[in-house]
Amino acid sequence: MYLKESKTVVIKIGSSLLINDNKVIREKWLLEFAKDIKELQKLKKNIVIVSSGAIALGCKKLQLNKKTLKLDKSQAVASIGQIELMNLFKKTFNSNKINISQILITLEDTEQRRRAINAKRTFENLFELNFVPVVNENDSIATSEIKYGDNDRLASRVAQISGADCLILLSDVDGLYSKNPKIHKNAKLIKEIKNIDSKIENFSSKSTSEYGTGGMKTKIDAAKVCQVSGCYMAIANGLIKRPIKNILEHNSGTWFLPKVSKLDARKKWIISSISPKGEIIIDDGALNALKNGKSLLAAGIRKVSGKFVKGDHVRILDKNNKEFARGLSSFTSDEISKIKGEHSNKISNLLGYVTKSEVIHKDDMVKI
């Protein structure tokens, strides 16, 4: 139900799904998973895949034991393994006529607003081109200890940035149980969770596979991010054949329900930003366009004040200096000074480089 109603879907693949306990790549599973992605594309959904596996594949290629690797060696192995990972996806997805791209993200990319906006635009453009981004943490330049296979929190941030309606964490378990099902036969699968309280926290299992280090705790952390981002999240078994099809047909797994709508979450994020860095004064034509839900274009800007960079929080004022909205600027204050009042098709010539046409995109704007 929740997946069927979602427009943009992020799917996270755990390492144990790509490589089995005997260190054999599960090519047949990935081929079936590609069929799932193709079915989602037929349903006109935007898809992002967050995949673990770079270090595992690197270790396999080099015949190394990842548990004995030090950080600097892990970074090199990740660099080697990332090529193996993408080649695996390319080979498998090409057979199903699915176009893929690669995005490597660091923690800073998801935490800094300017970088997050850049990432959001990249996702949007890839969706328009009908490409499926395959995302992984940029382990080869990580400055802290690599927690291999722990991409759950990264996936939740990717879901938040891309404006996803649904995040699915495919793992080697059916979902969250009341007890550890490997130990207790009377353990019950929890189908839906609205509030993550201490009881739910205690249900989290710390058991991990040979490859993954995330366990259930990081999945709960990911769910917390999704709940305040207006995004549904599921923990589901990916080891079965056609796991996404199974979710579409049976709504299987444990589902975490959002606490707010996606729009409310977006508005809260923008409104709760730090003090605005500048102001943009617009004419009546632009004001009417914004009232009708349009983005702010350069042609409607009369004046810009303050010093700000791309991604900064700014106020939008009418010609009487009355605040109408707030938003995240796609241009610096210096760039806006050069293009204000001009038609969008002149921006590239005025700035000397190709850029987007919206000064503030409608999705990055909140009316006061």
Protein backbone atom coordinates (compact mmCIF):
# COMPACT_ATOMS: atom_id res chain seq x y z
CA MET A 1 0.00 0.00 0.00
CA TYR A 2 2.62 2.55 1.07
CA LEU A 3 5.03 1.60 -1.70
CA LYS A 4 2.30 1.66 -4.35
CA GLU A 5 1.35 5.21 -3.36
CA SER A 6 4.94 6.50 -3.40
CA LYS A 7 6.38 8.51 -6.27
CA THR A 8 10.04 8.54 -5.24
CA VAL A 9 11.49 5.42 -3.61
CA VAL A 10 14.91 4.81 -2.04
CA ILE A 11 15.99 1.18 -1.68
CA LYS A 12 18.96 0.22 0.47
CA ILE A 13 20.73 -3.08 -0.19
CA GLY A 14 22.72 -4.66 2.61
CA SER A 15 26.07 -6.35 1.95
CA SER A 16 24.71 -9.76 2.88
CA LEU A 17 22.35 -9.57 -0.10
CA LEU A 18 25.20 -9.11 -2.58
CA ILE A 19 27.66 -11.62 -1.11
CA ASN A 20 26.76 -14.82 0.71
CA ASP A 21 28.54 -16.42 3.67
CA ASN A 22 30.83 -18.31 1.28
CA LYS A 23 31.96 -15.01 -0.24
CA VAL A 24 30.17 -15.75 -3.50
CA ILE A 25 28.48 -12.89 -5.35
CA ARG A 26 24.73 -13.45 -5.51
CA GLU A 27 24.37 -12.62 -9.21
CA LYS A 28 21.03 -14.43 -9.62
CA TRP A 29 19.55 -12.44 -6.74
CA LEU A 30 20.71 -9.16 -8.27
CA LEU A 31 19.21 -10.17 -11.61
CA GLU A 32 15.83 -10.74 -9.94
CA PHE A 33 16.21 -7.44 -8.07
CA ALA A 34 16.76 -5.69 -11.41
CA LYS A 35 13.40 -7.08 -12.54
CA ASP A 36 11.86 -5.46 -9.45
CA ILE A 37 13.40 -2.11 -10.40
CA LYS A 38 12.08 -2.47 -13.94
CA GLU A 39 8.58 -3.08 -12.56
CA LEU A 40 8.82 0.07 -10.42
CA GLN A 41 9.88 2.02 -13.51
CA LYS A 42 6.81 0.77 -15.34
CA LEU A 43 4.78 2.20 -12.46
CA LYS A 44 6.44 5.59 -13.20
CA LYS A 45 8.36 5.75 -9.94
CA ASN A 46 11.64 7.56 -9.35
CA ILE A 47 14.16 5.14 -7.83
CA VAL A 48 17.40 5.55 -5.88
CA ILE A 49 19.49 2.57 -4.80
CA VAL A 50 21.80 2.86 -1.81
CA SER A 51 24.15 -0.10 -1.96
CA SER A 52 26.71 -1.44 0.46
CA GLY A 53 29.37 -3.78 -0.82
CA ALA A 54 32.39 -1.80 -2.01
CA ILE A 55 34.79 -3.06 0.65
CA ALA A 56 33.35 -6.60 0.51
CA LEU A 57 33.94 -6.80 -3.23
CA GLY A 58 37.35 -5.20 -2.84
CA CYS A 59 38.31 -7.78 -0.22
CA LYS A 60 37.03 -10.56 -2.46
CA LYS A 61 39.08 -9.34 -5.42
CA LEU A 62 42.23 -8.95 -3.32
CA GLN A 63 41.53 -12.04 -1.20
CA LEU A 64 41.74 -10.07 2.03
CA ASN A 65 39.94 -10.41 5.37
CA LYS A 66 38.09 -7.15 5.98
CA LYS A 67 38.14 -7.63 9.76
CA THR A 68 41.93 -7.21 9.83
CA LEU A 69 42.01 -4.12 7.61
CA LYS A 70 43.19 -0.79 9.02
CA LEU A 71 41.53 2.47 7.99
CA ASP A 72 44.01 3.53 5.31
CA LYS A 73 43.95 0.06 3.74
CA SER A 74 40.14 -0.01 3.94
CA GLN A 75 40.00 3.21 1.96
CA ALA A 76 42.15 1.73 -0.81
CA VAL A 77 40.12 -1.49 -0.83
CA ALA A 78 36.89 0.55 -1.03
CA SER A 79 38.24 2.38 -4.07
CA ILE A 80 38.98 -0.93 -5.80
CA GLY A 81 35.72 -2.50 -4.70
CA GLN A 82 33.59 0.43 -5.87
CA ILE A 83 34.54 -0.31 -9.47
CA GLU A 84 33.64 -3.95 -8.96
CA LEU A 85 30.31 -2.93 -7.42
CA MET A 86 29.34 -0.62 -10.27
CA ASN A 87 30.46 -3.11 -12.91
CA LEU A 88 28.23 -5.68 -11.23
CA PHE A 89 25.25 -3.31 -11.30
CA LYS A 90 25.95 -2.18 -14.87
CA LYS A 91 26.20 -5.73 -16.19
CA THR A 92 23.03 -6.85 -14.41
CA PHE A 93 20.91 -3.79 -15.05
CA ASN A 94 21.91 -3.47 -18.71
CA SER A 95 20.30 -6.84 -19.37
CA ASN A 96 17.01 -5.32 -18.17
CA LYS A 97 17.56 -2.08 -20.11
CA ILE A 98 17.90 -0.02 -16.93
CA ASN A 99 20.21 3.02 -17.03
CA ILE A 100 22.26 3.59 -13.88
CA SER A 101 24.54 6.34 -12.58
CA GLN A 102 26.92 6.50 -9.64
CA ILE A 103 26.83 8.96 -6.74
CA LEU A 104 29.37 8.84 -3.91
CA ILE A 105 28.33 10.80 -0.82
CA THR A 106 30.12 11.81 2.37
CA LEU A 107 28.54 12.77 5.68
CA GLU A 108 29.25 16.44 4.98
CA ASP A 109 27.34 16.22 1.70
CA THR A 110 24.19 15.34 3.61
CA GLU A 111 24.67 17.74 6.52
CA GLN A 112 25.67 20.96 4.76
CA ARG A 113 22.66 22.67 3.22
CA ARG A 114 24.48 23.90 0.11
CA ARG A 115 25.78 20.44 -0.75
CA ALA A 116 22.42 18.87 0.07
CA ILE A 117 20.69 21.17 -2.43
CA ASN A 118 23.24 20.28 -5.10
CA ALA A 119 22.61 16.60 -4.43
CA LYS A 120 18.84 17.14 -4.60
CA ARG A 121 19.12 18.81 -8.02
CA THR A 122 21.33 15.97 -9.25
CA PHE A 123 18.75 13.40 -8.22
CA GLU A 124 15.97 15.38 -9.90
CA ASN A 125 17.90 15.66 -13.17
CA LEU A 126 18.71 11.94 -13.15
CA PHE A 127 15.03 11.14 -12.63
CA GLU A 128 14.15 13.30 -15.64
CA LEU A 129 16.75 11.43 -17.72
CA ASN A 130 15.24 8.11 -16.54
CA PHE A 131 18.43 7.00 -14.80
CA VAL A 132 18.61 5.12 -11.50
CA PRO A 133 21.29 6.57 -9.18
CA VAL A 134 23.31 3.99 -7.26
CA VAL A 135 24.56 5.69 -4.09
CA ASN A 136 27.32 4.64 -1.73
CA GLU A 137 29.26 6.34 1.01
CA ASN A 138 32.57 7.68 -0.29
CA ASP A 139 34.60 5.26 1.82
CA SER A 140 37.82 5.91 -0.09
CA ILE A 141 38.15 9.41 1.45
CA ALA A 142 36.50 8.78 4.83
CA THR A 143 38.34 10.44 7.70
CA SER A 144 36.82 8.36 10.49
CA GLU A 145 36.66 4.62 10.96
CA ILE A 146 34.67 2.99 8.17
CA LYS A 147 31.63 1.09 9.44
CA TYR A 148 31.36 -1.19 6.50
CA GLY A 149 27.83 -2.15 5.48
CA ASP A 150 26.24 0.49 7.72
CA ASN A 151 24.47 2.52 5.06
CA ASP A 152 21.12 2.65 6.86
CA ARG A 153 21.52 6.19 8.18
CA LEU A 154 23.00 7.30 4.86
CA ALA A 155 19.94 5.89 3.10
CA SER A 156 17.63 7.88 5.38
CA ARG A 157 19.52 11.08 4.59
CA VAL A 158 19.38 10.30 0.87
CA ALA A 159 15.63 9.79 1.22
CA GLN A 160 15.35 13.12 3.02
CA ILE A 161 17.44 15.02 0.45
CA SER A 162 15.78 13.47 -2.60
CA GLY A 163 12.31 14.15 -1.20
CA ALA A 164 11.48 10.44 -1.22
CA ASP A 165 8.07 9.20 -0.15
CA CYS A 166 9.36 5.81 0.89
CA LEU A 167 12.61 4.18 2.04
CA ILE A 168 12.98 0.40 1.97
CA LEU A 169 15.84 -1.20 3.88
CA LEU A 170 16.36 -4.65 2.41
CA SER A 171 18.16 -6.88 4.86
CA ASP A 172 18.45 -10.52 5.90
CA VAL A 173 15.51 -10.29 8.32
CA ASP A 174 11.74 -9.98 7.79
CA GLY A 175 11.53 -6.82 9.91
CA LEU A 176 11.55 -5.82 13.57
CA TYR A 177 10.47 -8.51 16.02
CA SER A 178 9.33 -8.32 19.62
CA LYS A 179 12.25 -10.66 20.44
CA ASN A 180 15.21 -12.08 18.56
CA PRO A 181 13.51 -14.64 16.25
CA LYS A 182 16.73 -16.67 16.01
CA ILE A 183 16.51 -17.38 19.72
CA HIS A 184 12.82 -17.09 20.64
CA LYS A 185 10.24 -19.07 18.67
CA ASN A 186 7.39 -16.94 20.03
CA ALA A 187 8.87 -13.72 18.62
CA LYS A 188 6.27 -11.66 16.76
CA LEU A 189 6.86 -9.47 13.71
CA ILE A 190 5.76 -5.87 14.31
CA LYS A 191 3.88 -4.72 11.20
CA GLU A 192 3.50 -0.97 11.85
CA ILE A 193 5.19 1.51 14.16
CA LYS A 194 3.97 5.05 14.73
CA ASN A 195 6.15 6.02 17.69
CA ILE A 196 9.67 4.85 18.42
CA ASP A 197 9.64 4.59 22.21
CA SER A 198 11.96 2.83 24.66
CA LYS A 199 10.09 -0.42 24.09
CA ILE A 200 10.81 -0.32 20.37
CA GLU A 201 14.41 0.64 21.06
CA ASN A 202 14.79 -2.43 23.28
CA PHE A 203 13.49 -4.64 20.47
CA SER A 204 16.48 -3.67 18.37
CA SER A 205 18.81 -6.55 17.80
CA LYS A 206 22.56 -6.01 17.83
CA SER A 207 23.26 -9.14 15.83
CA THR A 208 25.22 -8.60 12.62
CA SER A 209 26.33 -10.68 9.67
CA GLU A 210 29.96 -11.28 8.73
CA TYR A 211 29.88 -8.33 6.37
CA GLY A 212 27.41 -5.83 7.79
CA THR A 213 27.97 -3.90 11.00
CA GLY A 214 24.71 -2.01 11.13
CA GLY A 215 22.36 -4.39 12.86
CA MET A 216 18.88 -3.24 13.83
CA LYS A 217 19.93 -0.16 15.79
CA THR A 218 21.03 1.79 12.72
CA LYS A 219 17.74 0.91 11.04
CA ILE A 220 15.85 2.38 13.98
CA ASP A 221 18.01 5.51 13.71
CA ALA A 222 17.14 5.71 10.02
CA ALA A 223 13.45 5.38 10.84
CA LYS A 224 13.66 8.37 13.19
CA VAL A 225 15.00 10.53 10.36
CA CYS A 226 12.29 9.32 7.99
CA GLN A 227 9.48 9.92 10.48
CA VAL A 228 10.32 13.62 10.83
CA SER A 229 10.91 13.93 7.07
CA GLY A 230 7.43 12.80 6.08
CA CYS A 231 8.77 9.56 4.60
CA TYR A 232 7.50 6.00 5.09
CA MET A 233 10.18 3.44 5.89
CA ALA A 234 10.18 -0.35 5.76
CA ILE A 235 12.56 -3.00 7.04
CA ALA A 236 12.02 -6.04 4.84
CA ASN A 237 13.64 -9.34 3.90
CA GLY A 238 15.69 -8.98 0.75
CA LEU A 239 16.95 -12.56 0.60
CA ILE A 240 13.73 -13.80 -0.96
CA LYS A 241 13.18 -13.82 -4.72
CA ARG A 242 11.73 -10.53 -6.04
CA PRO A 243 11.65 -8.75 -2.63
CA ILE A 244 10.15 -5.51 -3.99
CA LYS A 245 7.38 -7.37 -5.80
CA ASN A 246 6.61 -9.10 -2.53
CA ILE A 247 6.29 -5.73 -0.77
CA LEU A 248 4.09 -4.37 -3.57
CA GLU A 249 1.73 -7.33 -3.34
CA HIS A 250 1.72 -8.00 0.42
CA ASN A 251 3.03 -4.82 2.08
CA SER A 252 5.44 -7.11 3.92
CA GLY A 253 8.04 -6.06 6.48
CA THR A 254 7.91 -3.61 9.36
CA TRP A 255 6.62 -0.17 8.37
CA PHE A 256 7.46 3.04 10.22
CA LEU A 257 4.82 5.71 9.64
CA PRO A 258 5.80 9.39 9.26
CA LYS A 259 4.84 11.83 12.00
CA VAL A 260 4.37 14.74 9.61
CA SER A 261 3.59 15.18 5.93
CA LYS A 262 6.52 15.56 3.54
CA LEU A 263 5.48 19.13 2.79
CA ASP A 264 5.27 20.04 6.49
CA ALA A 265 8.70 18.52 7.08
CA ARG A 266 10.15 20.54 4.22
CA LYS A 267 8.57 23.75 5.48
CA LYS A 268 9.76 23.14 9.01
CA TRP A 269 13.30 22.58 7.76
CA ILE A 270 13.35 25.86 5.83
CA ILE A 271 11.55 27.98 8.43
CA SER A 272 13.70 26.62 11.25
CA SER A 273 16.91 27.46 9.40
CA ILE A 274 19.33 29.92 10.94
CA SER A 275 18.73 33.66 10.47
CA PRO A 276 18.32 34.66 6.82
CA LYS A 277 21.58 35.72 5.16
CA GLY A 278 20.00 38.23 2.79
CA GLU A 279 16.92 39.63 1.12
CA ILE A 280 15.50 39.57 -2.41
CA ILE A 281 12.99 42.24 -3.41
CA ILE A 282 10.63 41.24 -6.22
CA ASP A 283 8.14 43.02 -8.50
CA ASP A 284 4.39 42.49 -8.71
CA GLY A 285 4.67 40.05 -11.61
CA ALA A 286 6.97 37.78 -9.65
CA LEU A 287 4.78 38.14 -6.56
CA ASN A 288 1.74 36.91 -8.48
CA ALA A 289 3.75 34.05 -9.93
CA LEU A 290 4.86 32.94 -6.45
CA LYS A 291 1.28 33.17 -5.21
CA ASN A 292 0.37 30.73 -7.99
CA GLY A 293 3.01 28.26 -6.87
CA LYS A 294 5.76 29.14 -9.34
CA SER A 295 9.51 29.35 -8.73
CA LEU A 296 11.30 32.68 -8.45
CA LEU A 297 13.05 33.70 -11.68
CA ALA A 298 15.65 36.41 -12.23
CA ALA A 299 13.32 38.52 -14.38
CA GLY A 300 11.12 39.37 -11.40
CA ILE A 301 13.91 40.46 -9.06
CA ARG A 302 14.35 44.19 -8.48
CA LYS A 303 17.04 44.24 -5.80
CA VAL A 304 19.20 41.98 -3.67
CA SER A 305 20.74 42.84 -0.30
CA GLY A 306 23.13 41.02 2.01
CA LYS A 307 26.00 38.70 1.24
CA PHE A 308 25.10 35.04 0.78
CA VAL A 309 26.15 31.93 -1.06
CA LYS A 310 24.30 29.23 -2.91
CA GLY A 311 22.03 27.28 -0.57
CA ASP A 312 21.72 30.06 2.02
CA HIS A 313 18.42 30.98 3.64
CA VAL A 314 17.02 34.31 2.33
CA ARG A 315 13.89 36.43 2.75
CA ILE A 316 11.70 37.33 -0.22
CA LEU A 317 10.11 40.78 0.01
CA ASP A 318 7.57 42.58 -2.18
CA LYS A 319 8.22 46.08 -3.57
CA ASN A 320 6.97 47.58 -0.26
CA ASN A 321 9.58 45.56 1.67
CA LYS A 322 6.91 43.32 3.17
CA GLU A 323 8.08 39.74 3.69
CA PHE A 324 6.20 37.29 1.50
CA ALA A 325 8.28 34.12 1.72
CA ARG A 326 11.56 32.51 2.69
CA GLY A 327 13.64 30.14 0.68
CA LEU A 328 16.99 28.62 -0.18
CA SER A 329 18.82 30.49 -2.92
CA SER A 330 20.22 28.59 -5.90
CA PHE A 331 22.56 31.52 -6.65
CA THR A 332 25.01 33.67 -4.70
CA SER A 333 24.13 37.29 -3.96
CA ASP A 334 26.80 38.43 -6.45
CA GLU A 335 25.30 36.25 -9.18
CA ILE A 336 21.79 37.56 -8.52
CA SER A 337 23.08 41.16 -8.75
CA LYS A 338 24.30 40.36 -12.27
CA ILE A 339 21.15 38.62 -13.51
CA LYS A 340 18.33 40.48 -11.71
CA GLY A 341 15.63 41.72 -14.07
CA GLU A 342 16.94 39.60 -16.93
CA HIS A 343 15.25 36.79 -18.83
CA SER A 344 16.33 33.27 -17.94
CA ASN A 345 17.82 32.61 -21.38
CA LYS A 346 20.38 35.38 -20.80
CA ILE A 347 21.75 34.02 -17.51
CA SER A 348 24.46 31.86 -19.08
CA ASN A 349 25.86 34.77 -21.10
CA LEU A 350 25.75 37.16 -18.15
CA LEU A 351 27.50 34.77 -15.77
CA GLY A 352 29.78 33.13 -18.31
CA TYR A 353 28.70 29.59 -17.43
CA VAL A 354 25.64 27.38 -17.71
CA THR A 355 23.41 27.18 -14.64
CA LYS A 356 19.79 26.59 -13.67
CA SER A 357 17.03 29.11 -14.37
CA GLU A 358 15.26 29.26 -10.98
CA VAL A 359 16.80 31.64 -8.44
CA ILE A 360 14.70 29.96 -5.75
CA HIS A 361 12.94 26.74 -6.68
CA LYS A 362 9.32 26.42 -5.54
CA ASP A 363 10.22 23.31 -3.53
CA ASP A 364 12.82 25.35 -1.60
CA MET A 365 10.37 28.13 -0.71
CA VAL A 366 7.86 28.65 2.09
CA LYS A 367 5.27 31.42 2.04
CA ILE A 368 5.03 33.32 5.31
